[in-house]
Amino acid sequence: MAEIYIALVDTPGLFAEIIRRVIRQRYIHVAIGLDPQMDEAYSIGRRHPAVPLIAGFEKEEKEKILRAFPSASYMICSMECTEEQKRFVEDRLRAAMEERFRYHYAVAGLPFILWQIPFYQKNHFTCSSYIAKLLEEAGICRWEKHFSLVTPRDFMEYEKKTKIFEGSLRELVRSERKSYAAGQILLHQSEQLSTEMPAQPAYAGPDCREVTYER
């Protein structure tokens, strides 16, 4: 079995507050990732975190979100899938990234979510509707509604997921920075040690001694 990952994000701001009131929960943005750290993650979202009206398909960056929203909250969940399903998702995400400027945020579809009327305009998605459609096509999730009506609340309430992190985005990024720094120190110490140790034959053990034979 394999896993894909979902991040739910709570950000401040007027536009976020409008969405929050509509879906009645704190997390108002969803991203999909290929690793538990969400280092390779994608979403239909803001091309620049501080500009809500310019949005489309983008690679999600935690550091960029943190700079724009220092008080943002973050949740990471995993979903089980097969290796084939994960490859399907991976291929689709990377293909979409190559043509990311063809994808746009479905502003016109927002009233239809309120009215619970399915609405789809080609290559126009909300953050949640894009991921809902992708996971449905991959056979990972099945929704009881049209993908265009799926909101971050549906991902929050989805039972077949496992929460692996929830808290401040600042804390998450800070812990990752510390882990990276510690790893770099260990790597440097290991490299330094290997250069200081005298070279010896590969077959020579710690107790190897030179032996001479008399004729």
Protein backbone atom coordinates (compact mmCIF):
# COMPACT_ATOMS: atom_id res chain seq x y z
CA MET A 1 0.00 0.00 0.00
CA ALA A 2 0.96 3.63 -0.51
CA GLU A 3 -0.29 6.96 0.84
CA ILE A 4 -1.18 10.39 -0.45
CA TYR A 5 -1.46 13.39 1.84
CA ILE A 6 -3.94 16.20 2.36
CA ALA A 7 -3.20 19.51 4.07
CA LEU A 8 -6.00 21.63 5.49
CA VAL A 9 -5.06 25.27 6.04
CA ASP A 10 -6.61 27.99 8.19
CA THR A 11 -5.54 31.47 7.10
CA PRO A 12 -6.74 34.90 8.23
CA GLY A 13 -8.18 37.61 5.97
CA LEU A 14 -11.50 38.91 4.64
CA PHE A 15 -11.76 36.48 1.69
CA ALA A 16 -10.92 33.57 3.97
CA GLU A 17 -13.51 34.72 6.49
CA ILE A 18 -16.23 34.72 3.82
CA ILE A 19 -15.38 31.12 2.87
CA ARG A 20 -15.19 30.18 6.55
CA ARG A 21 -18.72 31.46 7.14
CA VAL A 22 -20.04 29.57 4.11
CA ILE A 23 -18.56 26.17 5.00
CA ARG A 24 -18.77 26.72 8.78
CA GLN A 25 -15.33 25.47 9.78
CA ARG A 26 -11.91 26.96 10.44
CA TYR A 27 -9.96 25.21 7.67
CA ILE A 28 -10.76 26.90 4.36
CA HIS A 29 -8.03 25.66 2.00
CA VAL A 30 -6.97 22.18 0.86
CA ALA A 31 -3.75 21.01 -0.80
CA ILE A 32 -2.67 17.55 -1.93
CA GLY A 33 0.84 16.21 -1.40
CA LEU A 34 3.00 13.23 -2.28
CA ASP A 35 5.00 13.14 0.98
CA PRO A 36 4.11 13.52 4.67
CA GLN A 37 6.07 16.77 4.99
CA MET A 38 4.07 18.26 2.08
CA ASP A 39 7.35 19.28 0.43
CA GLU A 40 5.82 18.34 -2.92
CA ALA A 41 2.27 19.60 -2.67
CA TYR A 42 -0.14 21.22 -5.12
CA SER A 43 -3.41 23.11 -5.01
CA ILE A 44 -5.76 25.44 -6.79
CA GLY A 45 -4.93 28.52 -4.79
CA ARG A 46 -3.40 31.96 -4.73
CA ARG A 47 -0.48 32.47 -7.07
CA HIS A 48 0.73 34.92 -4.44
CA PRO A 49 -0.49 34.25 -0.88
CA ALA A 50 -1.30 37.92 -0.23
CA VAL A 51 -3.45 38.36 -3.38
CA PRO A 52 -6.68 36.28 -3.14
CA LEU A 53 -8.16 37.15 -6.53
CA ILE A 54 -5.23 35.90 -8.63
CA ALA A 55 -5.45 32.13 -8.28
CA GLY A 56 -4.84 28.95 -10.24
CA PHE A 57 -2.88 25.70 -10.12
CA GLU A 58 0.32 26.13 -8.11
CA LYS A 59 2.91 24.22 -6.17
CA GLU A 60 2.19 24.77 -2.48
CA GLU A 61 5.02 26.12 -0.32
CA LYS A 62 4.68 26.19 3.47
CA GLU A 63 7.38 28.85 3.87
CA LYS A 64 5.58 31.18 1.46
CA ILE A 65 2.26 30.72 3.27
CA LEU A 66 3.96 31.37 6.60
CA ARG A 67 5.50 34.63 5.39
CA ALA A 68 2.07 35.88 4.28
CA PHE A 69 0.12 34.45 7.24
CA PRO A 70 2.33 34.06 10.35
CA SER A 71 -0.64 32.90 12.45
CA ALA A 72 -1.85 30.21 10.01
CA SER A 73 -2.90 26.80 11.35
CA TYR A 74 -2.12 23.59 9.48
CA MET A 75 -3.35 20.00 9.49
CA ILE A 76 -1.79 17.10 7.56
CA CYS A 77 -3.69 13.86 6.97
CA SER A 78 -2.78 10.69 5.11
CA MET A 79 -5.01 8.54 2.90
CA GLU A 80 -4.21 4.98 1.91
CA CYS A 81 -4.09 4.05 -1.76
CA THR A 82 -2.42 1.55 -4.05
CA GLU A 83 0.92 2.18 -5.73
CA GLU A 84 -0.91 2.46 -9.07
CA GLN A 85 -3.34 5.03 -7.68
CA LYS A 86 -0.50 7.11 -6.27
CA ARG A 87 1.34 7.04 -9.61
CA PHE A 88 -1.87 8.17 -11.33
CA VAL A 89 -2.20 11.11 -8.91
CA GLU A 90 1.50 11.95 -9.23
CA ASP A 91 1.39 11.94 -13.04
CA ARG A 92 -1.74 14.10 -13.13
CA LEU A 93 -0.32 16.65 -10.69
CA ARG A 94 2.97 17.02 -12.50
CA ALA A 95 1.23 17.29 -15.87
CA ALA A 96 -1.09 19.98 -14.47
CA MET A 97 1.93 21.85 -13.09
CA GLU A 98 3.43 22.02 -16.58
CA GLU A 99 0.21 23.63 -17.84
CA ARG A 100 -0.69 25.47 -14.63
CA PHE A 101 -1.71 28.71 -16.33
CA ARG A 102 -4.60 26.88 -18.02
CA TYR A 103 -6.23 26.34 -14.62
CA HIS A 104 -8.22 29.01 -12.82
CA TYR A 105 -10.15 29.49 -9.60
CA ALA A 106 -13.90 28.85 -10.02
CA VAL A 107 -15.16 32.19 -8.71
CA ALA A 108 -18.39 31.83 -10.72
CA GLY A 109 -19.06 28.48 -9.04
CA LEU A 110 -19.07 29.78 -5.46
CA PRO A 111 -22.79 30.79 -5.40
CA PHE A 112 -23.70 27.33 -6.76
CA ILE A 113 -22.03 25.74 -3.73
CA LEU A 114 -24.36 27.78 -1.53
CA TRP A 115 -27.35 26.69 -3.61
CA GLN A 116 -26.04 23.09 -3.76
CA ILE A 117 -26.31 23.08 -7.56
CA PRO A 118 -23.50 21.29 -9.48
CA PHE A 119 -21.59 23.71 -11.68
CA TYR A 120 -18.46 23.09 -13.73
CA GLN A 121 -16.65 25.41 -16.09
CA LYS A 122 -13.76 23.78 -17.96
CA ASN A 123 -10.44 24.04 -16.09
CA HIS A 124 -12.05 26.15 -13.33
CA PHE A 125 -11.95 24.66 -9.83
CA THR A 126 -11.97 25.51 -6.17
CA CYS A 127 -9.14 24.07 -4.11
CA SER A 128 -11.37 21.28 -2.84
CA SER A 129 -13.23 20.50 -6.07
CA TYR A 130 -9.98 19.92 -7.99
CA ILE A 131 -8.67 17.46 -5.40
CA ALA A 132 -12.09 15.79 -5.05
CA LYS A 133 -12.24 15.18 -8.81
CA LEU A 134 -8.66 13.91 -8.95
CA LEU A 135 -9.11 11.47 -6.06
CA GLU A 136 -12.37 10.24 -7.52
CA GLU A 137 -10.78 9.62 -10.93
CA ALA A 138 -7.93 7.79 -9.19
CA GLY A 139 -10.46 5.58 -7.38
CA ILE A 140 -9.22 6.67 -3.94
CA CYS A 141 -12.34 8.54 -2.79
CA ARG A 142 -16.04 8.39 -3.54
CA TRP A 143 -18.19 11.42 -2.80
CA GLU A 144 -21.94 11.49 -2.30
CA LYS A 145 -22.16 14.69 -4.30
CA HIS A 146 -20.82 16.26 -7.50
CA PHE A 147 -17.12 17.13 -7.15
CA SER A 148 -17.90 20.84 -7.72
CA LEU A 149 -19.85 20.87 -4.43
CA VAL A 150 -17.04 19.34 -2.32
CA THR A 151 -15.61 21.80 0.21
CA PRO A 152 -12.76 21.65 2.75
CA ARG A 153 -15.41 20.62 5.29
CA ASP A 154 -15.93 17.35 3.37
CA PHE A 155 -12.22 16.60 3.63
CA MET A 156 -12.30 17.44 7.32
CA GLU A 157 -15.20 15.01 7.86
CA TYR A 158 -13.85 12.29 5.56
CA GLU A 159 -13.50 9.21 7.76
CA LYS A 160 -10.88 7.29 5.76
CA LYS A 161 -8.01 9.58 6.65
CA THR A 162 -5.40 9.60 9.42
CA LYS A 163 -4.31 12.86 11.04
CA ILE A 164 -0.53 13.03 11.37
CA PHE A 165 -0.13 16.69 12.35
CA GLU A 166 -2.28 19.56 13.57
CA GLY A 167 -1.06 22.86 14.95
CA SER A 168 0.64 26.12 14.12
CA LEU A 169 2.26 26.30 10.70
CA ARG A 170 5.04 28.31 12.32
CA GLU A 171 5.75 25.40 14.73
CA LEU A 172 5.76 22.90 11.88
CA VAL A 173 8.17 24.92 9.74
CA ARG A 174 10.40 25.66 12.74
CA SER A 175 10.65 21.96 13.66
CA GLU A 176 11.47 21.06 10.05
CA ARG A 177 14.20 23.69 9.99
CA LYS A 178 15.70 22.26 13.19
CA SER A 179 15.56 18.72 11.82
CA TYR A 180 17.23 19.83 8.59
CA ALA A 181 19.96 21.73 10.49
CA ALA A 182 20.62 18.71 12.75
CA GLY A 183 20.83 16.45 9.70
CA GLN A 184 23.32 18.78 8.01
CA ILE A 185 25.52 18.82 11.14
CA LEU A 186 25.54 15.01 11.33
CA LEU A 187 26.34 14.78 7.62
CA HIS A 188 29.22 17.25 8.00
CA GLN A 189 30.61 15.36 11.01
CA SER A 190 30.38 12.06 9.12
CA GLU A 191 32.19 13.50 6.10
CA GLN A 192 34.85 15.04 8.34
CA LEU A 193 35.39 11.74 10.15
CA SER A 194 35.75 9.81 6.89
CA THR A 195 38.47 12.19 5.64
CA GLU A 196 40.40 11.99 8.93
CA MET A 197 40.45 8.16 9.11
CA PRO A 198 43.50 6.54 7.45
CA ALA A 199 42.73 4.49 4.40
CA GLN A 200 43.10 0.71 4.70
CA PRO A 201 42.35 -2.23 2.44
CA ALA A 202 38.71 -3.19 2.25
CA TYR A 203 39.54 -6.68 3.56
CA ALA A 204 41.49 -5.38 6.56
CA GLY A 205 39.66 -5.67 9.85
CA PRO A 206 40.57 -3.87 13.08
CA ASP A 207 42.92 -6.66 14.18
CA CYS A 208 44.59 -7.16 10.80
CA ARG A 209 48.39 -7.52 11.05
CA GLU A 210 51.05 -7.91 8.39
CA VAL A 211 52.29 -11.50 8.33
CA THR A 212 55.56 -12.70 6.83
CA TYR A 213 56.50 -16.28 6.16
CA GLU A 214 60.00 -17.75 6.43
CA ARG A 215 61.12 -20.15 3.78
